Amino acid sequence: MLAADVVGYSRLMGVDEAGTVARLKALRAEAVEPCIARRGGRTVKLMGDGALVAFASVVEAVACAVEIQQAIAAHQGEVVAERRFAFRLGVNLGDVILDEGEFYGDGINLAARLQALAEAGGLCISGMVHEQVRDKLPYPFEDIGEQQLKNLTRPVRAYALSPASIAALAQGEPAPGQSCNAPPPLPDAPSIAVLAFTNMSGGPEQSHFADGISEDIITGLSRLRWLFVIARNSSFVYRDKAVDVRQVARELGVRYVLEGSVRAAGGRIRVVVQLIDAGTGKHIWAEKYDRELADIFAVQDEITEHVVAAIEPRLYAEEGVRVSGRPPGSVDAWGLVVRAMGLISKVGRRQSDEAQALLHQAIAMDPTYARAHALLSWALWWASLCYWVPDTREGYRQAAQHAEDALAHDSSDPCSRMTRGLSLSTAGQHDRALVELEAALALNPSFALGRSAHGWALLRAGRYDEAIAETGKAVRLSPADSFAGIYTAIHGLALLGARRFAEALPHLRASVSAFAEYSGHYNTLISCCGHLGLIDEAQEFIAARARVGPPLHLSVLRENLRHYAHCEVFVEGMRKAGVPE
C-alpha cells in the first residue's frame, strides 16, 4: 500500500483555492496516474491532498513511488518554488480490509504514518518492505532506525530515500554520500562475510591464530556451493577497526556476517564466534570453544570444522524463514529449495511430504537445478527408510535416480554424493558406496550428515572401529541441529555392531526421544536392551514401535539386513528381547 500526502496544502489553498485544486488535478492526471498505471497500481482512495494506492507487488509499489517523485519534479520544472507541489510518500506491506467500498486495516495506517516521516519529495518504507526490495531495486535507502509511531504499540524500523537521492537516480548519478563505486547489490544466493577474528590477548602468536582460523572458516564455507562467500582480501580490510556490522554488510553486499575473538591464557585458548543477520542486527547463533593449546593447528582445524558444521543448518533455517514471507508467485526455484531444506531439517513425515512437493516444483521450474535433485534424492531416501512411501523399493529407486540427475548437472554436490553412497550401501555394494561417501566428505569435510552416513556405511561393511569414530565425529560436529537424533542413533548402532552394548544404550535412548516417528531407532534400542537383559524395557519399546512401523519379525529383519556385517548381532539382540521369528 502506497500513501501520498501534499506538503503545505493548506497554505497553497489559502493563497489560491481554485487554482490549487485545478493544478493538483492536472498534476495527478499528467504525472502521477501514468506511473500508477504503468506499475499496475490501483488508486483506492483520494482525500483532497492525499491518496492511497494498492499494488499486487511491493517491488512495483516502491518503484512506482520513486517514479512518481521523479515525474512530479520533471512536470514542475518551470513552476516557481512557492507554487510547487511537494509530496511525501510512504509504502508498507500488510493486510487490508475492504468493507462496502472502503479500505481499512493496519497496513493502511502504517503506510500513512511512514509517509509522515518522509521528507518533502522523499519516500519512507517499513523494514518489511525494505527486506522485500533490497535485492531487487538499486535504491540507496537509509536506515533511520526504530520509530515509535502514533497508535502503534511496537516501534517500527523505517528506511528513507531522500529527495536528492531520487533526483540522482533520475539522472543515473550516484546518490549524495555515495561514491561512483556504489556498494554491490546482494547476490541472489545467501551471502556471508567472515571478518578477521579479534586477538584479545595482544600477542603476535594469537594474532596469527586468529587470522588463521578466520581464513580456514572462509575456505570451509566456500565449499558450500549454495553460499556466496566474500574473499579474505575484502573482509580483512576491516581488521583491527571498530566497525558497525550493518555498514560492513552494505559495503560488501552480504546478508550475514560472522565475527569472533580469540583469547589465550596459561596454555588454553578461548574462541568466541557469532553469526549475525546484518539486515536486522539479529544474532542467529553464538558459541564458545575452550581448548588446550597443545597442537595449535589441530585446534584450528577442529574449531573450523565445528563452526562450519554449525553455520550451514542455521543459514538454511534463516533463509527458509525469509523466503516463506514472500508472496507465493514471487518465489523462485532457489526459494523453493530453501523452504524445502527447512522442512527436511525437521525430519517429520508431514514436513517430508511438503518438502518433496516444493522440490518437484523447483525441478519443474529448472530441470537442471542440481541442488533440487540432490535434496529430493535425500528426502525420498529418508521417506523410504521410514516406511512413509507405499513402495519402499520404488522410493529407493527414485532417490538413486535423482542423485544421478543431480550429479549429471553438478558432480561436486556433496548431498547427491551422499545419497548415491547410501543407495549403494543399502544394496550391499559397500566398496562403491564408500567411494561416493568419501567423495562427499572431500567436497565438504564439515558435512555432519555426510559423516554420519559414512559411518553407517562403514558399519555395514564391518569396519566397526572406523564406523564408531566417524559417527562420533558427526555427533560432535553438530550436536544441536535437528538431525542430532539421527546422528546419535547411528552412533549407537555402530557401538552395538561392535558389541559395546552398555555404551550404545544412552545414545539409542536419546535417539528415540529425539525422533519417535522412525521405527528403525526402536529396532536398534530393542536389540540393545535384549543384549543387556532389559527385557521389560524392550517389551515397552516393541509396543511403542508397533504404532509407527510394520510388525517385527526376525525373518524379515534377517532378510533386510542380509547384506550387512552387523546382521547377526542385531538379530540376536532382537531374539533375546522376545521378537518372534
Protein backbone atom coordinates (compact mmCIF):
# COMPACT_ATOMS: atom_id res chain seq x y z
CA MET A 1 0.00 0.00 0.00
CA LEU A 2 1.34 3.43 -1.01
CA ALA A 3 0.21 6.53 0.92
CA ALA A 4 0.73 10.04 -0.50
CA ASP A 5 0.26 13.47 1.01
CA VAL A 6 0.86 17.01 -0.28
CA VAL A 7 3.12 19.08 1.97
CA GLY A 8 1.78 22.56 2.80
CA TYR A 9 -1.53 22.02 1.07
CA SER A 10 -3.42 24.34 3.42
CA ARG A 11 -1.01 27.20 2.64
CA LEU A 12 -1.44 26.69 -1.11
CA MET A 13 -5.23 26.59 -0.74
CA GLY A 14 -5.14 29.80 1.29
CA VAL A 15 -3.30 31.60 -1.50
CA ASP A 16 -5.37 30.30 -4.45
CA GLU A 17 -8.01 27.71 -3.70
CA ALA A 18 -9.48 27.20 -7.17
CA GLY A 19 -6.10 27.34 -8.90
CA THR A 20 -4.54 24.90 -6.42
CA VAL A 21 -7.33 22.32 -6.94
CA ALA A 22 -7.08 22.63 -10.73
CA ARG A 23 -3.26 22.37 -10.77
CA LEU A 24 -3.25 19.37 -8.41
CA LYS A 25 -5.85 17.61 -10.56
CA ALA A 26 -3.74 18.22 -13.66
CA LEU A 27 -0.57 17.04 -11.91
CA ARG A 28 -2.26 13.81 -10.87
CA ALA A 29 -3.57 13.17 -14.38
CA GLU A 30 -0.37 14.02 -16.24
CA ALA A 31 2.41 12.86 -13.86
CA VAL A 32 1.09 10.62 -11.10
CA GLU A 33 -1.59 8.42 -12.65
CA PRO A 34 0.54 7.28 -15.63
CA CYS A 35 3.15 6.00 -13.16
CA ILE A 36 0.49 4.12 -11.19
CA ALA A 37 -0.99 2.58 -14.34
CA ARG A 38 2.44 1.56 -15.66
CA ARG A 39 3.26 -0.23 -12.39
CA GLY A 40 -0.10 -2.00 -12.09
CA GLY A 41 -1.38 0.04 -9.15
CA ARG A 42 -4.96 0.98 -8.30
CA THR A 43 -5.97 4.21 -6.57
CA VAL A 44 -8.38 3.14 -3.86
CA LYS A 45 -8.91 6.47 -2.11
CA LEU A 46 -8.47 10.21 -2.87
CA MET A 47 -8.63 12.65 0.03
CA GLY A 48 -8.09 16.12 -1.41
CA ASP A 49 -4.39 16.43 -0.63
CA GLY A 50 -3.77 12.68 -0.14
CA ALA A 51 -4.20 9.32 -1.81
CA LEU A 52 -3.95 5.58 -1.16
CA VAL A 53 -2.77 3.25 -3.93
CA ALA A 54 -2.82 -0.56 -3.77
CA PHE A 55 -0.33 -2.83 -5.57
CA ALA A 56 -0.10 -6.59 -6.00
CA SER A 57 3.71 -6.35 -5.82
CA VAL A 58 5.69 -4.47 -3.17
CA VAL A 59 8.56 -4.04 -5.67
CA GLU A 60 6.20 -2.33 -8.09
CA ALA A 61 4.88 -0.12 -5.28
CA VAL A 62 8.34 1.17 -4.31
CA ALA A 63 9.45 1.60 -7.92
CA CYS A 64 6.23 3.49 -8.60
CA ALA A 65 6.80 5.79 -5.60
CA VAL A 66 10.26 6.75 -6.88
CA GLU A 67 8.94 7.31 -10.41
CA ILE A 68 6.09 9.47 -9.07
CA GLN A 69 8.53 11.76 -7.26
CA GLN A 70 10.70 11.99 -10.37
CA ALA A 71 7.67 12.69 -12.60
CA ILE A 72 6.37 15.40 -10.25
CA ALA A 73 9.78 17.12 -10.23
CA ALA A 74 10.01 16.99 -14.04
CA HIS A 75 6.43 18.23 -14.51
CA GLN A 76 7.02 21.29 -12.31
CA GLY A 77 10.41 22.25 -13.71
CA GLU A 78 9.30 25.76 -14.67
CA VAL A 79 6.88 26.36 -11.77
CA VAL A 80 8.07 28.92 -9.21
CA ALA A 81 9.05 27.38 -5.87
CA GLU A 82 6.16 28.99 -3.94
CA ARG A 83 3.57 27.30 -6.15
CA ARG A 84 5.13 23.84 -6.48
CA PHE A 85 3.54 20.76 -5.02
CA ALA A 86 5.79 18.56 -2.86
CA PHE A 87 4.62 15.06 -1.96
CA ARG A 88 5.62 12.83 0.92
CA LEU A 89 5.24 9.11 0.15
CA GLY A 90 5.14 6.03 2.36
CA VAL A 91 4.99 2.34 1.42
CA ASN A 92 4.01 -0.55 3.69
CA LEU A 93 3.28 -4.24 3.22
CA GLY A 94 0.32 -5.56 5.20
CA ASP A 95 -3.26 -6.83 5.26
CA VAL A 96 -6.13 -4.50 4.35
CA ILE A 97 -9.88 -4.94 4.70
CA LEU A 98 -12.44 -3.92 2.06
CA ASP A 99 -15.83 -3.08 3.59
CA GLU A 100 -18.60 -1.52 1.48
CA GLY A 101 -16.09 0.05 -0.88
CA GLU A 102 -13.84 1.43 1.89
CA PHE A 103 -10.36 0.11 2.74
CA TYR A 104 -9.28 -0.28 6.36
CA GLY A 105 -6.54 -2.01 8.33
CA ASP A 106 -3.16 -1.67 9.98
CA GLY A 107 -1.45 -1.94 6.59
CA ILE A 108 -3.03 1.38 5.55
CA ASN A 109 -2.49 3.06 8.90
CA LEU A 110 1.23 2.23 8.92
CA ALA A 111 1.69 3.43 5.32
CA ALA A 112 0.18 6.78 6.35
CA ARG A 113 2.43 7.01 9.43
CA LEU A 114 5.52 6.23 7.31
CA GLN A 115 4.54 8.88 4.79
CA ALA A 116 4.60 11.45 7.58
CA LEU A 117 8.26 10.53 8.31
CA ALA A 118 9.39 11.20 4.74
CA GLU A 119 10.99 14.44 3.62
CA ALA A 120 9.07 16.62 1.17
CA GLY A 121 9.83 14.99 -2.18
CA GLY A 122 11.09 11.83 -0.46
CA LEU A 123 9.95 8.32 0.41
CA CYS A 124 9.81 6.26 3.60
CA ILE A 125 9.24 2.48 3.76
CA SER A 126 8.88 -0.11 6.51
CA GLY A 127 11.54 -2.66 7.40
CA MET A 128 9.33 -5.42 5.96
CA VAL A 129 9.17 -3.60 2.63
CA HIS A 130 12.92 -3.00 2.67
CA GLU A 131 13.57 -6.72 3.17
CA GLN A 132 11.49 -7.48 0.05
CA VAL A 133 13.06 -4.86 -2.26
CA ARG A 134 16.66 -4.59 -1.09
CA ASP A 135 17.85 -7.28 -3.53
CA LYS A 136 15.72 -6.09 -6.42
CA LEU A 137 15.85 -2.28 -6.59
CA PRO A 138 19.06 -0.21 -6.70
CA TYR A 139 17.82 2.47 -4.30
CA PRO A 140 20.15 3.75 -1.54
CA PHE A 141 17.70 3.71 1.37
CA GLU A 142 18.99 4.98 4.70
CA ASP A 143 18.15 3.02 7.84
CA ILE A 144 16.58 5.63 10.16
CA GLY A 145 16.12 3.13 12.99
CA GLU A 146 13.16 2.12 15.12
CA GLN A 147 10.31 4.66 15.04
CA GLN A 148 7.56 4.94 17.64
CA LEU A 149 4.52 5.78 15.53
CA LYS A 150 1.16 7.09 16.64
CA ASN A 151 -1.41 4.47 17.72
CA LEU A 152 1.08 1.62 17.28
CA THR A 153 2.18 -0.35 20.35
CA ARG A 154 5.51 -1.51 18.93
CA PRO A 155 8.24 0.57 17.29
CA VAL A 156 8.69 0.07 13.54
CA ARG A 157 12.03 0.05 11.72
CA ALA A 158 11.93 2.53 8.84
CA TYR A 159 14.09 3.32 5.82
CA ALA A 160 14.17 6.66 4.00
CA LEU A 161 15.05 7.70 0.46
CA SER A 162 15.91 11.41 0.25
CA PRO A 163 14.75 13.80 -2.50
CA ALA A 164 18.39 14.27 -3.52
CA SER A 165 18.85 10.52 -3.94
CA ILE A 166 15.66 10.27 -6.01
CA ALA A 167 16.83 13.13 -8.23
CA ALA A 168 20.25 11.49 -8.66
CA LEU A 169 18.60 8.20 -9.64
CA ALA A 170 16.69 10.04 -12.38
CA GLN A 171 20.00 11.32 -13.78
CA GLY A 172 21.75 7.97 -13.44
CA GLU A 173 24.24 9.53 -11.00
CA PRO A 174 25.45 8.25 -7.62
CA ALA A 175 23.27 9.40 -4.76
CA PRO A 176 24.65 12.03 -2.38
CA GLY A 177 27.10 10.44 0.01
CA GLN A 178 27.77 7.58 -2.39
CA SER A 179 30.90 7.13 -4.47
CA CYS A 180 30.70 6.19 -8.12
CA ASN A 181 31.65 2.72 -6.92
CA ALA A 182 28.35 2.16 -5.12
CA PRO A 183 28.06 -0.79 -2.72
CA PRO A 184 27.32 -4.01 -4.60
CA PRO A 185 23.77 -5.34 -4.54
CA LEU A 186 23.03 -8.50 -2.60
CA PRO A 187 23.54 -11.61 -4.73
CA ASP A 188 20.65 -13.98 -5.39
CA ALA A 189 22.20 -16.66 -3.18
CA PRO A 190 22.64 -16.28 0.60
CA SER A 191 25.83 -14.30 1.22
CA ILE A 192 28.28 -14.02 4.11
CA ALA A 193 31.46 -12.18 5.10
CA VAL A 194 33.82 -13.63 7.70
CA LEU A 195 35.64 -10.81 9.47
CA ALA A 196 39.15 -11.23 10.81
CA PHE A 197 38.82 -12.55 14.36
CA THR A 198 39.90 -10.11 17.07
CA ASN A 199 43.01 -11.02 19.07
CA MET A 200 42.04 -10.19 22.66
CA SER A 201 45.42 -11.28 24.10
CA GLY A 202 47.70 -8.94 22.17
CA GLY A 203 50.49 -11.44 21.45
CA PRO A 204 51.65 -11.99 17.86
CA GLU A 205 51.19 -15.78 18.14
CA GLN A 206 47.50 -15.38 18.94
CA SER A 207 47.21 -12.84 16.14
CA HIS A 208 48.42 -15.47 13.67
CA PHE A 209 45.99 -18.00 15.16
CA ALA A 210 43.07 -15.53 14.90
CA ASP A 211 43.86 -14.81 11.25
CA GLY A 212 44.38 -18.49 10.51
CA ILE A 213 41.06 -19.61 11.94
CA SER A 214 39.21 -16.82 10.09
CA GLU A 215 40.85 -17.85 6.81
CA ASP A 216 40.08 -21.53 7.41
CA ILE A 217 36.41 -20.73 8.07
CA ILE A 218 36.27 -18.73 4.82
CA THR A 219 37.73 -21.73 2.98
CA GLY A 220 35.32 -24.13 4.70
CA LEU A 221 32.26 -22.03 3.94
CA SER A 222 33.39 -21.63 0.33
CA ARG A 223 32.88 -25.37 -0.07
CA LEU A 224 29.14 -24.78 0.39
CA ARG A 225 28.31 -24.14 -3.24
CA TRP A 226 24.91 -22.59 -2.45
CA LEU A 227 26.56 -19.89 -0.27
CA PHE A 228 28.21 -16.71 -1.64
CA VAL A 229 31.32 -16.07 0.49
CA ILE A 230 33.32 -12.83 0.38
CA ALA A 231 37.03 -13.38 -0.26
CA ARG A 232 39.57 -12.87 2.53
CA ASN A 233 41.19 -9.82 0.92
CA SER A 234 37.89 -7.93 1.06
CA SER A 235 36.69 -8.95 4.52
CA PHE A 236 40.11 -8.46 6.14
CA VAL A 237 40.22 -4.72 5.29
CA TYR A 238 38.13 -4.21 8.47
CA ARG A 239 40.75 -5.90 10.63
CA ASP A 240 41.60 -4.02 13.86
CA LYS A 241 38.83 -1.48 13.20
CA ALA A 242 35.74 -0.76 15.28
CA VAL A 243 33.03 -1.29 12.67
CA ASP A 244 29.26 -1.48 12.51
CA VAL A 245 28.29 -4.91 11.18
CA ARG A 246 25.44 -3.41 9.16
CA GLN A 247 27.83 -0.99 7.47
CA VAL A 248 30.23 -3.82 6.64
CA ALA A 249 27.38 -5.84 5.14
CA ARG A 250 26.24 -2.90 2.99
CA GLU A 251 29.74 -2.19 1.73
CA LEU A 252 30.46 -5.82 0.90
CA GLY A 253 26.96 -6.65 -0.36
CA VAL A 254 26.18 -9.53 2.02
CA ARG A 255 23.28 -10.51 4.25
CA TYR A 256 25.19 -12.33 7.00
CA VAL A 257 28.38 -11.53 8.89
CA LEU A 258 30.45 -13.90 11.04
CA GLU A 259 32.73 -12.33 13.62
CA GLY A 260 34.74 -13.69 16.51
CA SER A 261 37.54 -13.25 19.01
CA VAL A 262 40.49 -15.23 20.33
CA ARG A 263 41.87 -15.09 23.87
CA ALA A 264 44.80 -17.17 25.21
CA ALA A 265 45.94 -17.69 28.80
CA GLY A 266 48.06 -20.33 30.51
CA GLY A 267 48.21 -22.88 27.71
CA ARG A 268 44.48 -22.62 26.96
CA ILE A 269 42.67 -20.74 24.26
CA ARG A 270 39.08 -19.47 24.03
CA VAL A 271 37.42 -18.74 20.69
CA VAL A 272 34.05 -16.96 20.63
CA VAL A 273 32.09 -16.88 17.38
CA GLN A 274 28.78 -15.23 16.46
CA LEU A 275 26.67 -15.21 13.31
CA ILE A 276 24.64 -12.05 12.63
CA ASP A 277 21.87 -11.17 10.19
CA ALA A 278 23.19 -7.76 9.22
CA GLY A 279 19.86 -6.61 7.82
CA THR A 280 18.12 -6.84 11.17
CA GLY A 281 21.06 -6.96 13.59
CA LYS A 282 19.70 -10.27 14.91
CA HIS A 283 22.20 -12.70 16.45
CA ILE A 284 21.41 -16.03 14.81
CA TRP A 285 23.96 -18.19 16.60
CA ALA A 286 26.88 -17.88 19.00
CA GLU A 287 29.27 -20.40 20.50
CA LYS A 288 32.31 -20.50 22.77
CA TYR A 289 35.15 -23.01 22.31
CA ASP A 290 37.68 -23.63 25.10
CA ARG A 291 40.64 -25.82 24.15
CA GLU A 292 44.10 -26.86 25.38
CA LEU A 293 46.70 -25.32 23.12
CA ALA A 294 48.95 -28.38 22.76
CA ASP A 295 48.75 -28.52 18.93
CA ILE A 296 47.70 -25.16 17.55
CA PHE A 297 46.97 -26.48 14.05
CA ALA A 298 44.84 -29.38 15.33
CA VAL A 299 42.84 -26.93 17.47
CA GLN A 300 42.43 -24.59 14.50
CA ASP A 301 41.17 -27.44 12.27
CA GLU A 302 38.78 -28.75 14.93
CA ILE A 303 37.18 -25.39 15.68
CA THR A 304 36.89 -24.58 11.96
CA GLU A 305 35.02 -27.84 11.30
CA HIS A 306 32.66 -27.22 14.23
CA VAL A 307 31.90 -23.65 13.15
CA VAL A 308 31.19 -24.54 9.50
CA ALA A 309 29.03 -27.52 10.52
CA ALA A 310 27.01 -25.33 12.90
CA ILE A 311 26.51 -22.46 10.46
CA GLU A 312 25.15 -24.40 7.48
CA PRO A 313 21.84 -25.63 9.00
CA ARG A 314 21.23 -22.27 10.68
CA LEU A 315 21.65 -20.34 7.43
CA TYR A 316 19.25 -22.73 5.72
CA ALA A 317 16.73 -22.14 8.51
CA GLU A 318 17.10 -18.34 8.32
CA GLU A 319 16.78 -18.33 4.52
CA GLY A 320 13.72 -20.56 4.77
CA VAL A 321 12.01 -18.11 7.14
CA ARG A 322 12.98 -15.16 4.96
CA VAL A 323 11.74 -16.76 1.75
CA SER A 324 8.49 -18.00 3.35
CA GLY A 325 7.48 -14.37 3.83
CA ARG A 326 7.45 -13.71 0.09
CA PRO A 327 4.20 -13.76 -1.89
CA PRO A 328 3.74 -17.26 -3.43
CA GLY A 329 4.08 -16.10 -7.03
CA SER A 330 7.40 -14.39 -6.39
CA VAL A 331 9.29 -17.43 -5.04
CA ASP A 332 11.88 -18.74 -7.49
CA ALA A 333 13.46 -22.21 -7.66
CA TRP A 334 16.09 -21.26 -5.08
CA GLY A 335 13.38 -20.04 -2.70
CA LEU A 336 11.50 -23.33 -3.08
CA VAL A 337 14.68 -25.30 -2.35
CA VAL A 338 15.45 -23.24 0.75
CA ARG A 339 11.93 -23.73 2.09
CA ALA A 340 12.22 -27.46 1.39
CA MET A 341 15.53 -27.65 3.23
CA GLY A 342 13.94 -26.05 6.27
CA LEU A 343 11.19 -28.66 6.19
CA ILE A 344 13.59 -31.57 5.65
CA SER A 345 15.62 -30.49 8.65
CA LYS A 346 12.55 -31.06 10.86
CA VAL A 347 12.74 -34.79 9.82
CA GLY A 348 8.97 -35.40 10.26
CA ARG A 349 6.62 -37.15 7.83
CA ARG A 350 4.34 -34.19 7.09
CA GLN A 351 7.33 -31.92 6.56
CA SER A 352 8.95 -34.51 4.29
CA ASP A 353 5.84 -34.66 2.09
CA GLU A 354 5.69 -30.85 1.86
CA ALA A 355 9.41 -30.65 1.06
CA GLN A 356 9.08 -33.17 -1.76
CA ALA A 357 6.22 -31.17 -3.29
CA LEU A 358 8.32 -27.97 -3.18
CA LEU A 359 11.33 -29.71 -4.72
CA HIS A 360 9.21 -31.13 -7.55
CA GLN A 361 8.04 -27.54 -8.22
CA ALA A 362 11.64 -26.29 -8.23
CA ILE A 363 12.67 -29.00 -10.71
CA ALA A 364 9.68 -28.16 -12.92
CA MET A 365 10.93 -24.54 -12.95
CA ASP A 366 14.54 -25.54 -13.60
CA PRO A 367 15.11 -29.21 -14.57
CA THR A 368 18.90 -28.72 -14.41
CA TYR A 369 18.91 -27.46 -10.81
CA ALA A 370 21.32 -29.95 -9.22
CA ARG A 371 20.65 -28.90 -5.63
CA ALA A 372 16.91 -29.53 -6.02
CA HIS A 373 17.55 -33.03 -7.38
CA ALA A 374 20.07 -33.68 -4.60
CA LEU A 375 17.71 -32.68 -1.79
CA LEU A 376 14.82 -34.58 -3.38
CA SER A 377 17.02 -37.68 -3.56
CA TRP A 378 17.71 -37.41 0.18
CA ALA A 379 14.04 -36.70 1.02
CA LEU A 380 12.91 -39.75 -0.95
CA TRP A 381 15.60 -41.97 0.54
CA TRP A 382 14.68 -40.90 4.07
CA ALA A 383 10.94 -41.33 3.43
CA SER A 384 11.60 -44.84 2.12
CA LEU A 385 13.73 -45.72 5.15
CA CYS A 386 10.92 -44.53 7.43
CA TYR A 387 8.23 -46.51 5.51
CA TRP A 388 6.47 -43.26 4.56
CA VAL A 389 6.05 -44.36 0.93
CA PRO A 390 3.75 -47.14 -0.30
CA ASP A 391 6.59 -48.99 -2.07
CA THR A 392 9.97 -48.64 -0.35
CA ARG A 393 11.85 -50.34 -3.19
CA GLU A 394 10.45 -47.82 -5.68
CA GLY A 395 11.24 -44.99 -3.24
CA TYR A 396 14.87 -46.05 -3.06
CA ARG A 397 14.98 -46.34 -6.86
CA GLN A 398 13.67 -42.79 -7.30
CA ALA A 399 16.11 -41.50 -4.69
CA ALA A 400 19.02 -43.06 -6.58
CA GLN A 401 17.73 -41.63 -9.88
CA HIS A 402 17.52 -38.08 -8.53
CA ALA A 403 21.03 -38.43 -7.08
CA GLU A 404 22.24 -39.44 -10.55
CA ASP A 405 20.38 -36.48 -12.09
CA ALA A 406 21.98 -34.10 -9.58
CA LEU A 407 25.47 -35.40 -10.30
CA ALA A 408 24.87 -35.17 -14.04
CA HIS A 409 24.25 -31.43 -13.62
CA ASP A 410 26.82 -30.79 -10.88
CA SER A 411 29.29 -33.54 -10.00
CA SER A 412 30.54 -31.61 -6.98
CA ASP A 413 27.33 -31.60 -4.91
CA PRO A 414 28.10 -33.43 -1.63
CA CYS A 415 24.44 -34.14 -0.81
CA SER A 416 23.88 -36.11 -4.02
CA ARG A 417 27.17 -37.96 -3.50
CA MET A 418 25.95 -38.88 -0.02
CA THR A 419 22.56 -40.14 -1.22
CA ARG A 420 24.11 -42.17 -4.04
CA GLY A 421 26.52 -43.64 -1.49
CA LEU A 422 23.65 -44.55 0.84
CA SER A 423 21.72 -46.12 -2.05
CA LEU A 424 24.71 -48.27 -2.93
CA SER A 425 25.25 -49.15 0.72
CA THR A 426 21.60 -50.18 1.11
CA ALA A 427 22.08 -52.52 -1.87
CA GLY A 428 25.13 -54.07 -0.20
CA GLN A 429 27.66 -52.55 -2.62
CA HIS A 430 29.94 -51.41 0.19
CA ASP A 431 33.12 -50.59 -1.72
CA ARG A 432 31.33 -48.41 -4.26
CA ALA A 433 29.27 -46.80 -1.51
CA LEU A 434 32.35 -45.80 0.49
CA VAL A 435 33.94 -44.22 -2.58
CA GLU A 436 30.89 -41.96 -3.02
CA LEU A 437 30.64 -41.08 0.66
CA GLU A 438 34.35 -40.28 0.91
CA ALA A 439 33.93 -38.06 -2.17
CA ALA A 440 31.07 -36.22 -0.40
CA LEU A 441 33.30 -35.52 2.60
CA ALA A 442 36.19 -34.43 0.39
CA LEU A 443 33.82 -31.83 -1.06
CA ASN A 444 32.64 -30.71 2.39
CA PRO A 445 34.60 -32.06 5.40
CA SER A 446 32.18 -30.32 7.80
CA PHE A 447 29.12 -32.16 6.41
CA ALA A 448 27.78 -33.67 9.65
CA LEU A 449 25.03 -35.70 7.95
CA GLY A 450 27.59 -36.95 5.43
CA ARG A 451 29.88 -38.02 8.30
CA SER A 452 27.03 -39.96 9.86
CA ALA A 453 26.18 -41.63 6.52
CA HIS A 454 29.84 -42.55 6.02
CA GLY A 455 29.96 -44.14 9.46
CA TRP A 456 26.75 -46.05 8.70
CA ALA A 457 28.29 -47.48 5.53
CA LEU A 458 31.49 -48.40 7.39
CA LEU A 459 29.38 -50.26 9.96
CA ARG A 460 27.55 -52.18 7.24
CA ALA A 461 30.93 -53.10 5.73
CA GLY A 462 32.10 -54.48 9.08
CA ARG A 463 34.66 -51.75 9.81
CA TYR A 464 33.34 -51.13 13.31
CA ASP A 465 36.13 -49.06 14.87
CA GLU A 466 36.19 -46.67 11.92
CA ALA A 467 32.41 -46.50 12.00
CA ILE A 468 32.38 -45.57 15.69
CA ALA A 469 35.00 -42.86 15.14
CA GLU A 470 33.12 -41.37 12.17
CA THR A 471 29.63 -41.44 13.72
CA GLY A 472 31.05 -40.00 16.93
CA LYS A 473 32.53 -37.14 14.93
CA ALA A 474 29.11 -36.41 13.40
CA VAL A 475 27.59 -36.13 16.88
CA ARG A 476 30.35 -33.76 17.99
CA LEU A 477 30.25 -31.67 14.81
CA SER A 478 26.63 -30.60 15.12
CA PRO A 479 25.10 -31.73 18.42
CA ALA A 480 22.28 -29.18 18.41
CA ASP A 481 20.85 -29.44 14.91
CA SER A 482 17.60 -31.22 14.10
CA PHE A 483 19.36 -34.27 12.65
CA ALA A 484 21.03 -34.89 16.02
CA GLY A 485 18.61 -37.75 16.78
CA ILE A 486 19.78 -39.48 13.60
CA TYR A 487 23.44 -38.91 14.47
CA THR A 488 23.04 -40.43 17.94
CA ALA A 489 21.04 -43.39 16.56
CA ILE A 490 23.70 -44.32 14.02
CA HIS A 491 26.49 -43.83 16.56
CA GLY A 492 24.60 -46.14 18.92
CA LEU A 493 24.12 -48.65 16.08
CA ALA A 494 27.88 -48.62 15.38
CA LEU A 495 28.58 -49.31 19.06
CA LEU A 496 26.03 -52.14 19.04
CA GLY A 497 27.67 -53.63 15.95
CA ALA A 498 30.96 -53.68 17.89
CA ARG A 499 29.11 -55.37 20.83
CA ARG A 500 29.67 -52.34 23.10
CA PHE A 501 26.08 -52.55 24.31
CA ALA A 502 26.35 -50.54 27.54
CA GLU A 503 27.97 -47.64 25.67
CA ALA A 504 25.33 -47.81 22.94
CA LEU A 505 22.32 -47.72 25.26
CA PRO A 506 22.25 -43.99 26.26
CA HIS A 507 22.69 -42.94 22.62
CA LEU A 508 19.86 -45.18 21.47
CA ARG A 509 17.52 -43.99 24.23
CA ALA A 510 18.30 -40.40 23.24
CA SER A 511 17.62 -41.11 19.57
CA VAL A 512 14.12 -42.44 20.29
CA SER A 513 13.36 -39.37 22.40
CA ALA A 514 14.60 -37.06 19.65
CA PHE A 515 12.75 -38.71 16.77
CA ALA A 516 9.99 -41.11 17.73
CA GLU A 517 8.47 -41.35 14.21
CA TYR A 518 11.18 -43.65 12.85
CA SER A 519 10.78 -47.35 13.62
CA GLY A 520 14.46 -48.06 12.96
CA HIS A 521 15.50 -46.20 16.11
CA TYR A 522 13.25 -48.52 18.14
CA ASN A 523 14.69 -51.59 16.43
CA THR A 524 18.24 -50.82 17.49
CA LEU A 525 17.20 -49.91 21.04
CA ILE A 526 15.16 -53.13 21.36
CA SER A 527 18.16 -55.18 20.20
CA CYS A 528 20.46 -53.39 22.64
CA CYS A 529 18.03 -53.95 25.53
CA GLY A 530 17.85 -57.61 24.56
CA HIS A 531 21.63 -58.00 24.78
CA LEU A 532 21.69 -56.22 28.17
CA GLY A 533 18.84 -58.31 29.59
CA LEU A 534 16.50 -55.31 29.89
CA ILE A 535 13.53 -57.35 28.71
CA ASP A 536 10.75 -55.27 30.30
CA GLU A 537 12.12 -52.10 28.70
CA ALA A 538 12.49 -53.93 25.38
CA GLN A 539 8.84 -55.02 25.51
CA GLU A 540 7.72 -51.42 26.15
CA PHE A 541 9.62 -50.28 23.06
CA ILE A 542 8.26 -53.17 20.98
CA ALA A 543 4.75 -51.93 21.79
CA ALA A 544 5.66 -48.29 21.01
CA ARG A 545 7.33 -49.30 17.76
CA ALA A 546 4.19 -51.15 16.59
CA ARG A 547 2.49 -47.74 16.37
CA VAL A 548 4.95 -46.33 13.81
CA GLY A 549 6.08 -49.27 11.68
CA PRO A 550 5.16 -52.72 10.34
CA PRO A 551 5.16 -55.72 12.71
CA LEU A 552 8.54 -57.01 13.86
CA HIS A 553 9.69 -60.47 12.76
CA LEU A 554 13.19 -61.91 12.94
CA SER A 555 12.87 -63.43 9.46
CA VAL A 556 12.05 -60.02 7.92
CA LEU A 557 14.91 -58.33 9.78
CA ARG A 558 17.32 -61.08 8.74
CA GLU A 559 16.28 -60.60 5.10
CA ASN A 560 16.52 -56.79 5.26
CA LEU A 561 19.98 -56.88 6.90
CA ARG A 562 21.42 -59.80 4.95
CA HIS A 563 23.99 -57.62 3.15
CA TYR A 564 25.28 -56.02 6.37
CA ALA A 565 28.08 -57.15 8.68
CA HIS A 566 26.09 -56.32 11.84
CA CYS A 567 23.10 -58.51 10.84
CA GLU A 568 23.90 -61.37 13.23
CA VAL A 569 24.43 -59.26 16.37
CA PHE A 570 21.37 -57.13 15.58
CA VAL A 571 19.01 -60.09 15.08
CA GLU A 572 20.48 -61.89 18.11
CA GLY A 573 19.55 -58.95 20.35
CA MET A 574 16.02 -58.85 18.92
CA ARG A 575 15.60 -62.58 19.60
CA LYS A 576 16.73 -62.11 23.21
CA ALA A 577 14.22 -59.25 23.56
CA GLY A 578 11.37 -61.59 22.57
CA VAL A 579 10.76 -60.64 18.93
CA PRO A 580 9.07 -63.61 17.15
CA GLU A 581 10.55 -65.39 14.16
